[in-house]
N, C-alpha and C. Protein backbone atom coordinates (compact mmCIF):
# COMPACT_ATOMS: atom_id res chain seq x y z
N MET A 1 -20.49 -18.43 -0.05
CA MET A 1 -19.46 -19.37 -0.42
C MET A 1 -18.95 -19.08 -1.83
N LYS A 2 -19.86 -18.77 -2.70
CA LYS A 2 -19.49 -18.51 -4.09
C LYS A 2 -18.64 -17.24 -4.20
N ALA A 3 -18.96 -16.23 -3.38
CA ALA A 3 -18.20 -14.98 -3.41
C ALA A 3 -16.78 -15.19 -2.90
N ILE A 4 -16.63 -16.03 -1.88
CA ILE A 4 -15.30 -16.29 -1.35
C ILE A 4 -14.45 -17.02 -2.39
N LEU A 5 -15.04 -18.02 -3.04
CA LEU A 5 -14.34 -18.76 -4.07
C LEU A 5 -13.94 -17.84 -5.22
N ARG A 6 -14.83 -16.94 -5.56
CA ARG A 6 -14.55 -15.99 -6.64
C ARG A 6 -13.37 -15.09 -6.28
N LYS A 7 -13.33 -14.61 -5.03
CA LYS A 7 -12.22 -13.77 -4.59
C LYS A 7 -10.90 -14.55 -4.62
N VAL A 8 -10.95 -15.80 -4.20
CA VAL A 8 -9.73 -16.62 -4.20
C VAL A 8 -9.23 -16.82 -5.63
N VAL A 9 -10.15 -17.13 -6.55
CA VAL A 9 -9.76 -17.36 -7.95
C VAL A 9 -9.18 -16.08 -8.55
N PHE A 10 -9.83 -14.95 -8.32
CA PHE A 10 -9.31 -13.69 -8.85
C PHE A 10 -7.98 -13.33 -8.22
N GLY A 11 -7.80 -13.65 -6.94
CA GLY A 11 -6.51 -13.40 -6.29
C GLY A 11 -5.40 -14.24 -6.90
N LEU A 12 -5.71 -15.50 -7.19
CA LEU A 12 -4.72 -16.37 -7.83
C LEU A 12 -4.39 -15.90 -9.24
N ILE A 13 -5.40 -15.45 -9.98
CA ILE A 13 -5.16 -14.93 -11.33
C ILE A 13 -4.29 -13.68 -11.27
N ALA A 14 -4.59 -12.80 -10.31
CA ALA A 14 -3.79 -11.57 -10.16
C ALA A 14 -2.34 -11.90 -9.80
N ALA A 15 -2.14 -12.89 -8.93
CA ALA A 15 -0.78 -13.28 -8.57
C ALA A 15 -0.04 -13.87 -9.76
N ALA A 16 -0.73 -14.66 -10.58
CA ALA A 16 -0.09 -15.25 -11.77
C ALA A 16 0.28 -14.17 -12.77
N VAL A 17 -0.61 -13.20 -12.98
CA VAL A 17 -0.31 -12.10 -13.91
C VAL A 17 0.87 -11.28 -13.40
N LEU A 18 0.89 -11.02 -12.11
CA LEU A 18 2.00 -10.26 -11.53
C LEU A 18 3.31 -11.02 -11.67
N ALA A 19 3.29 -12.32 -11.45
CA ALA A 19 4.51 -13.13 -11.60
C ALA A 19 4.99 -13.14 -13.04
N ALA A 20 4.06 -13.25 -13.98
CA ALA A 20 4.45 -13.25 -15.40
C ALA A 20 5.04 -11.89 -15.79
N ALA A 21 4.42 -10.81 -15.34
CA ALA A 21 4.93 -9.47 -15.65
C ALA A 21 6.30 -9.25 -15.04
N THR A 22 6.51 -9.76 -13.84
CA THR A 22 7.82 -9.63 -13.20
C THR A 22 8.87 -10.42 -13.97
N GLY A 23 8.51 -11.60 -14.44
CA GLY A 23 9.43 -12.40 -15.24
C GLY A 23 9.84 -11.71 -16.52
N VAL A 24 8.87 -11.11 -17.22
CA VAL A 24 9.15 -10.38 -18.45
C VAL A 24 10.05 -9.18 -18.15
N LEU A 25 9.79 -8.49 -17.06
CA LEU A 25 10.59 -7.34 -16.68
C LEU A 25 12.03 -7.75 -16.40
N VAL A 26 12.23 -8.83 -15.66
CA VAL A 26 13.58 -9.27 -15.32
C VAL A 26 14.35 -9.69 -16.58
N VAL A 27 13.70 -10.44 -17.46
CA VAL A 27 14.37 -10.90 -18.68
C VAL A 27 14.73 -9.72 -19.57
N SER A 28 13.80 -8.78 -19.73
CA SER A 28 14.09 -7.63 -20.60
C SER A 28 15.17 -6.73 -20.00
N ALA A 29 15.18 -6.58 -18.68
CA ALA A 29 16.24 -5.78 -18.04
C ALA A 29 17.60 -6.47 -18.19
N ALA A 30 17.61 -7.79 -18.07
CA ALA A 30 18.87 -8.52 -18.24
C ALA A 30 19.37 -8.40 -19.68
N TYR A 31 18.47 -8.49 -20.64
CA TYR A 31 18.89 -8.36 -22.04
C TYR A 31 19.38 -6.95 -22.34
N ALA A 32 18.72 -5.95 -21.76
CA ALA A 32 19.16 -4.57 -21.97
C ALA A 32 20.54 -4.34 -21.36
N LEU A 33 20.77 -4.90 -20.17
CA LEU A 33 22.09 -4.77 -19.56
C LEU A 33 23.15 -5.49 -20.39
N PHE A 34 22.81 -6.66 -20.93
CA PHE A 34 23.73 -7.40 -21.79
C PHE A 34 24.07 -6.60 -23.03
N ALA A 35 23.04 -6.01 -23.67
CA ALA A 35 23.28 -5.22 -24.89
C ALA A 35 24.13 -4.00 -24.59
N LEU A 36 23.94 -3.40 -23.43
CA LEU A 36 24.71 -2.22 -23.05
C LEU A 36 26.18 -2.56 -22.81
N LEU A 37 26.43 -3.70 -22.19
CA LEU A 37 27.80 -4.06 -21.82
C LEU A 37 28.53 -4.88 -22.89
N ARG A 38 27.83 -5.36 -23.93
CA ARG A 38 28.44 -6.23 -24.93
C ARG A 38 29.56 -5.54 -25.69
N GLU A 39 29.39 -4.28 -26.01
CA GLU A 39 30.43 -3.55 -26.75
C GLU A 39 31.68 -3.36 -25.92
N ALA A 40 31.50 -3.06 -24.63
CA ALA A 40 32.66 -2.77 -23.79
C ALA A 40 33.36 -4.03 -23.28
N LEU A 41 32.61 -5.07 -22.94
CA LEU A 41 33.18 -6.25 -22.31
C LEU A 41 33.23 -7.48 -23.20
N GLY A 42 32.57 -7.42 -24.32
CA GLY A 42 32.47 -8.60 -25.17
C GLY A 42 31.29 -9.46 -24.71
N PRO A 43 30.90 -10.44 -25.52
CA PRO A 43 29.72 -11.24 -25.18
C PRO A 43 29.85 -12.03 -23.86
N SER A 44 30.99 -12.66 -23.65
CA SER A 44 31.13 -13.45 -22.42
C SER A 44 31.25 -12.56 -21.19
N GLY A 45 31.93 -11.43 -21.29
CA GLY A 45 32.03 -10.49 -20.17
C GLY A 45 30.68 -9.88 -19.83
N ALA A 46 29.91 -9.56 -20.86
CA ALA A 46 28.59 -9.00 -20.62
C ALA A 46 27.68 -10.03 -19.96
N ALA A 47 27.78 -11.29 -20.40
CA ALA A 47 26.98 -12.35 -19.78
C ALA A 47 27.36 -12.54 -18.32
N ALA A 48 28.64 -12.46 -18.03
CA ALA A 48 29.09 -12.59 -16.64
C ALA A 48 28.60 -11.42 -15.80
N ALA A 49 28.62 -10.22 -16.36
CA ALA A 49 28.14 -9.04 -15.63
C ALA A 49 26.64 -9.15 -15.35
N VAL A 50 25.89 -9.67 -16.32
CA VAL A 50 24.45 -9.86 -16.11
C VAL A 50 24.21 -10.90 -15.01
N ALA A 51 24.99 -11.98 -15.03
CA ALA A 51 24.85 -13.00 -13.99
C ALA A 51 25.21 -12.44 -12.62
N LEU A 52 26.26 -11.61 -12.56
CA LEU A 52 26.64 -10.98 -11.31
C LEU A 52 25.54 -10.04 -10.81
N ALA A 53 24.97 -9.25 -11.70
CA ALA A 53 23.90 -8.34 -11.32
C ALA A 53 22.68 -9.12 -10.79
N ALA A 54 22.36 -10.25 -11.45
CA ALA A 54 21.24 -11.07 -10.99
C ALA A 54 21.53 -11.67 -9.61
N ALA A 55 22.76 -12.12 -9.40
CA ALA A 55 23.13 -12.70 -8.11
C ALA A 55 23.06 -11.66 -6.99
N VAL A 56 23.53 -10.45 -7.27
CA VAL A 56 23.47 -9.38 -6.27
C VAL A 56 22.02 -9.04 -5.95
N LEU A 57 21.19 -8.95 -6.98
CA LEU A 57 19.77 -8.64 -6.77
C LEU A 57 19.08 -9.73 -5.96
N MET A 58 19.34 -11.00 -6.30
CA MET A 58 18.72 -12.11 -5.56
C MET A 58 19.25 -12.17 -4.12
N GLY A 59 20.53 -11.90 -3.93
CA GLY A 59 21.09 -11.90 -2.58
C GLY A 59 20.49 -10.82 -1.71
N ALA A 60 20.35 -9.62 -2.26
CA ALA A 60 19.76 -8.52 -1.50
C ALA A 60 18.30 -8.81 -1.16
N THR A 61 17.57 -9.35 -2.13
CA THR A 61 16.17 -9.70 -1.89
C THR A 61 16.07 -10.79 -0.83
N GLY A 62 16.95 -11.78 -0.89
CA GLY A 62 16.95 -12.84 0.10
C GLY A 62 17.25 -12.33 1.50
N LEU A 63 18.20 -11.40 1.62
CA LEU A 63 18.50 -10.82 2.93
C LEU A 63 17.32 -10.05 3.49
N VAL A 64 16.63 -9.30 2.64
CA VAL A 64 15.47 -8.54 3.09
C VAL A 64 14.39 -9.48 3.60
N PHE A 65 14.08 -10.53 2.83
CA PHE A 65 13.04 -11.45 3.25
C PHE A 65 13.47 -12.28 4.47
N ALA A 66 14.75 -12.58 4.60
CA ALA A 66 15.22 -13.29 5.78
C ALA A 66 15.06 -12.43 7.03
N ALA A 67 15.32 -11.14 6.89
CA ALA A 67 15.14 -10.23 8.02
C ALA A 67 13.67 -10.11 8.39
N LEU A 68 12.80 -10.10 7.39
CA LEU A 68 11.36 -10.02 7.66
C LEU A 68 10.83 -11.32 8.26
N ALA A 69 11.44 -12.44 7.94
CA ALA A 69 10.94 -13.73 8.40
C ALA A 69 11.26 -14.01 9.86
N LYS A 70 12.19 -13.30 10.44
CA LYS A 70 12.54 -13.54 11.84
C LYS A 70 11.37 -13.27 12.77
N GLY A 71 10.53 -12.34 12.42
CA GLY A 71 9.34 -12.08 13.23
C GLY A 71 9.67 -11.26 14.46
N PRO A 72 8.67 -11.14 15.33
CA PRO A 72 8.88 -10.32 16.53
C PRO A 72 9.82 -11.01 17.52
N LYS A 73 10.43 -10.22 18.39
CA LYS A 73 11.34 -10.75 19.39
C LYS A 73 10.55 -11.52 20.44
N ARG A 74 11.15 -12.60 20.94
CA ARG A 74 10.48 -13.41 21.95
C ARG A 74 10.58 -12.74 23.31
N VAL A 75 9.52 -12.92 24.08
CA VAL A 75 9.49 -12.41 25.45
C VAL A 75 10.27 -13.39 26.32
N PRO A 76 11.09 -12.91 27.27
CA PRO A 76 11.83 -13.83 28.14
C PRO A 76 10.88 -14.77 28.88
N ALA A 77 11.38 -15.96 29.22
CA ALA A 77 10.53 -16.99 29.84
C ALA A 77 9.95 -16.53 31.18
N GLU A 78 10.65 -15.67 31.89
CA GLU A 78 10.16 -15.21 33.19
C GLU A 78 8.91 -14.34 33.04
N GLU A 79 8.77 -13.67 31.91
CA GLU A 79 7.65 -12.75 31.71
C GLU A 79 6.48 -13.39 30.96
N GLN A 80 6.58 -14.66 30.60
CA GLN A 80 5.52 -15.32 29.85
C GLN A 80 4.51 -15.95 30.80
N ASP A 81 3.23 -15.89 30.40
CA ASP A 81 2.23 -16.61 31.17
C ASP A 81 2.16 -18.05 30.65
N LEU A 82 1.28 -18.85 31.22
CA LEU A 82 1.22 -20.27 30.90
C LEU A 82 0.87 -20.51 29.43
N LEU A 83 -0.07 -19.74 28.91
CA LEU A 83 -0.48 -19.92 27.52
C LEU A 83 0.67 -19.62 26.56
N GLN A 84 1.43 -18.57 26.81
CA GLN A 84 2.57 -18.24 25.95
C GLN A 84 3.64 -19.32 26.03
N ARG A 85 3.87 -19.89 27.20
CA ARG A 85 4.85 -20.97 27.33
C ARG A 85 4.38 -22.21 26.57
N LEU A 86 3.09 -22.53 26.67
CA LEU A 86 2.56 -23.69 25.94
C LEU A 86 2.67 -23.49 24.44
N MET A 87 2.35 -22.30 23.94
CA MET A 87 2.46 -22.04 22.51
C MET A 87 3.92 -22.10 22.06
N GLY A 88 4.84 -21.65 22.88
CA GLY A 88 6.27 -21.76 22.57
C GLY A 88 6.70 -23.21 22.48
N MET A 89 6.17 -24.05 23.40
CA MET A 89 6.49 -25.47 23.35
C MET A 89 5.94 -26.11 22.08
N VAL A 90 4.74 -25.71 21.68
CA VAL A 90 4.14 -26.26 20.46
C VAL A 90 4.99 -25.89 19.24
N ARG A 91 5.51 -24.66 19.19
CA ARG A 91 6.36 -24.25 18.08
C ARG A 91 7.70 -24.98 18.08
N ASP A 92 8.28 -25.16 19.27
CA ASP A 92 9.60 -25.76 19.36
C ASP A 92 9.58 -27.28 19.23
N ARG A 93 8.54 -27.92 19.76
CA ARG A 93 8.46 -29.40 19.77
C ARG A 93 7.09 -29.86 19.28
N PRO A 94 6.84 -29.77 17.98
CA PRO A 94 5.50 -30.10 17.48
C PRO A 94 5.12 -31.57 17.64
N ILE A 95 6.06 -32.48 17.51
CA ILE A 95 5.71 -33.91 17.61
C ILE A 95 5.32 -34.26 19.04
N ILE A 96 6.06 -33.76 20.02
CA ILE A 96 5.70 -34.00 21.42
C ILE A 96 4.36 -33.35 21.73
N SER A 97 4.09 -32.19 21.16
CA SER A 97 2.82 -31.51 21.39
C SER A 97 1.65 -32.30 20.84
N VAL A 98 1.83 -32.91 19.67
CA VAL A 98 0.76 -33.73 19.09
C VAL A 98 0.51 -34.94 19.98
N GLY A 99 1.57 -35.56 20.48
CA GLY A 99 1.41 -36.69 21.40
C GLY A 99 0.68 -36.30 22.67
N ALA A 100 1.03 -35.15 23.23
CA ALA A 100 0.34 -34.67 24.43
C ALA A 100 -1.12 -34.36 24.13
N LEU A 101 -1.41 -33.82 22.98
CA LEU A 101 -2.79 -33.52 22.60
C LEU A 101 -3.61 -34.80 22.48
N ILE A 102 -3.02 -35.83 21.89
CA ILE A 102 -3.72 -37.12 21.77
C ILE A 102 -3.98 -37.70 23.15
N GLY A 103 -2.99 -37.61 24.04
CA GLY A 103 -3.18 -38.10 25.41
C GLY A 103 -4.27 -37.33 26.14
N LEU A 104 -4.27 -36.01 26.01
CA LEU A 104 -5.31 -35.20 26.66
C LEU A 104 -6.68 -35.49 26.09
N ALA A 105 -6.76 -35.71 24.79
CA ALA A 105 -8.05 -36.04 24.18
C ALA A 105 -8.55 -37.37 24.70
N THR A 106 -7.66 -38.34 24.89
CA THR A 106 -8.05 -39.65 25.42
C THR A 106 -8.58 -39.51 26.84
N VAL A 107 -7.89 -38.72 27.68
CA VAL A 107 -8.34 -38.50 29.05
C VAL A 107 -9.68 -37.76 29.06
N ALA A 108 -9.84 -36.78 28.17
CA ALA A 108 -11.08 -36.01 28.14
C ALA A 108 -12.25 -36.88 27.70
N ILE A 109 -12.02 -37.81 26.79
CA ILE A 109 -13.10 -38.70 26.34
C ILE A 109 -13.48 -39.68 27.46
N ARG A 110 -12.50 -40.18 28.17
CA ARG A 110 -12.78 -41.16 29.23
C ARG A 110 -13.35 -40.51 30.49
N ASN A 111 -12.96 -39.27 30.77
CA ASN A 111 -13.41 -38.60 31.99
C ASN A 111 -13.78 -37.15 31.67
N PRO A 112 -14.99 -36.90 31.17
CA PRO A 112 -15.38 -35.54 30.81
C PRO A 112 -15.46 -34.59 32.00
N ALA A 113 -15.76 -35.11 33.18
CA ALA A 113 -15.85 -34.24 34.36
C ALA A 113 -14.48 -33.64 34.68
N LEU A 114 -13.43 -34.46 34.59
CA LEU A 114 -12.08 -33.96 34.82
C LEU A 114 -11.69 -32.92 33.77
N ALA A 115 -12.06 -33.17 32.52
CA ALA A 115 -11.77 -32.21 31.46
C ALA A 115 -12.48 -30.88 31.71
N ALA A 116 -13.72 -30.95 32.21
CA ALA A 116 -14.46 -29.71 32.50
C ALA A 116 -13.80 -28.93 33.63
N ILE A 117 -13.31 -29.63 34.64
CA ILE A 117 -12.64 -28.95 35.76
C ILE A 117 -11.36 -28.28 35.29
N VAL A 118 -10.58 -28.99 34.49
CA VAL A 118 -9.33 -28.42 33.98
C VAL A 118 -9.61 -27.23 33.07
N ALA A 119 -10.60 -27.35 32.19
CA ALA A 119 -10.94 -26.24 31.29
C ALA A 119 -11.39 -25.03 32.08
N LYS A 120 -12.20 -25.26 33.13
CA LYS A 120 -12.67 -24.13 33.96
C LYS A 120 -11.50 -23.46 34.67
N ALA A 121 -10.55 -24.26 35.13
CA ALA A 121 -9.40 -23.70 35.83
C ALA A 121 -8.57 -22.81 34.90
N PHE A 122 -8.45 -23.21 33.63
CA PHE A 122 -7.66 -22.41 32.69
C PHE A 122 -8.43 -21.20 32.16
N LEU A 123 -9.74 -21.33 32.03
CA LEU A 123 -10.52 -20.27 31.40
C LEU A 123 -11.14 -19.29 32.38
N ASP A 124 -11.17 -19.60 33.67
CA ASP A 124 -11.78 -18.72 34.65
C ASP A 124 -10.83 -17.56 34.94
N PRO A 125 -11.22 -16.31 34.61
CA PRO A 125 -10.30 -15.19 34.81
C PRO A 125 -10.08 -14.85 36.28
N LYS A 126 -10.98 -15.23 37.18
CA LYS A 126 -10.84 -14.89 38.59
C LYS A 126 -9.76 -15.70 39.28
N SER A 127 -9.50 -16.90 38.78
CA SER A 127 -8.56 -17.78 39.45
C SER A 127 -7.11 -17.53 39.07
N ARG A 128 -6.88 -16.68 38.11
CA ARG A 128 -5.49 -16.42 37.68
C ARG A 128 -4.80 -15.50 38.66
N PRO A 129 -3.56 -15.80 39.01
CA PRO A 129 -2.81 -14.89 39.89
C PRO A 129 -2.44 -13.61 39.15
N ALA A 130 -2.26 -12.56 39.92
CA ALA A 130 -1.91 -11.27 39.31
C ALA A 130 -0.52 -11.35 38.72
N ALA A 131 -0.32 -10.68 37.60
CA ALA A 131 0.98 -10.67 36.93
C ALA A 131 1.99 -9.93 37.79
N LYS A 132 3.21 -10.45 37.79
CA LYS A 132 4.27 -9.80 38.55
C LYS A 132 4.73 -8.55 37.82
N LYS A 133 4.90 -7.48 38.58
CA LYS A 133 5.37 -6.22 37.99
C LYS A 133 6.86 -6.12 38.21
N LYS A 134 7.55 -5.56 37.22
CA LYS A 134 8.99 -5.38 37.33
C LYS A 134 9.30 -4.26 38.32
N ALA A 135 10.33 -4.48 39.09
CA ALA A 135 10.80 -3.44 40.00
C ALA A 135 11.57 -2.40 39.19
N ARG A 136 11.23 -1.15 39.41
CA ARG A 136 11.91 -0.09 38.66
C ARG A 136 13.20 0.29 39.37
N SER A 137 14.25 0.45 38.59
CA SER A 137 15.56 0.79 39.16
C SER A 137 15.80 2.26 39.04
């Protein structure tokens, strides 16, 4: 337990140091760009150019992270098994899923034999039907 806590603390310290170093780098790069452009554009023009450069950099970074956040492509509903459909429902409708979970927990507490039968039906690999194969064209 102590080793895990130590790793977490060191990870947080490393992230804070990295964030501080990145902040210093961005500020110094912005000041260098301002100093470079001040002679040619004047103080207000150089400040506007620095703001434009920062906006372009943030926009590009945002687009990259937005593309990464989309995640993997979803499998069509026809090709999903029951577990994948249930997990999709949990992601799409979390409040309804919590309500259904509370209802199932109530039924399982009142009738454990029924809960055991349902669990066996879902977890028994022999009772699952074979997956449909796509016809090749």
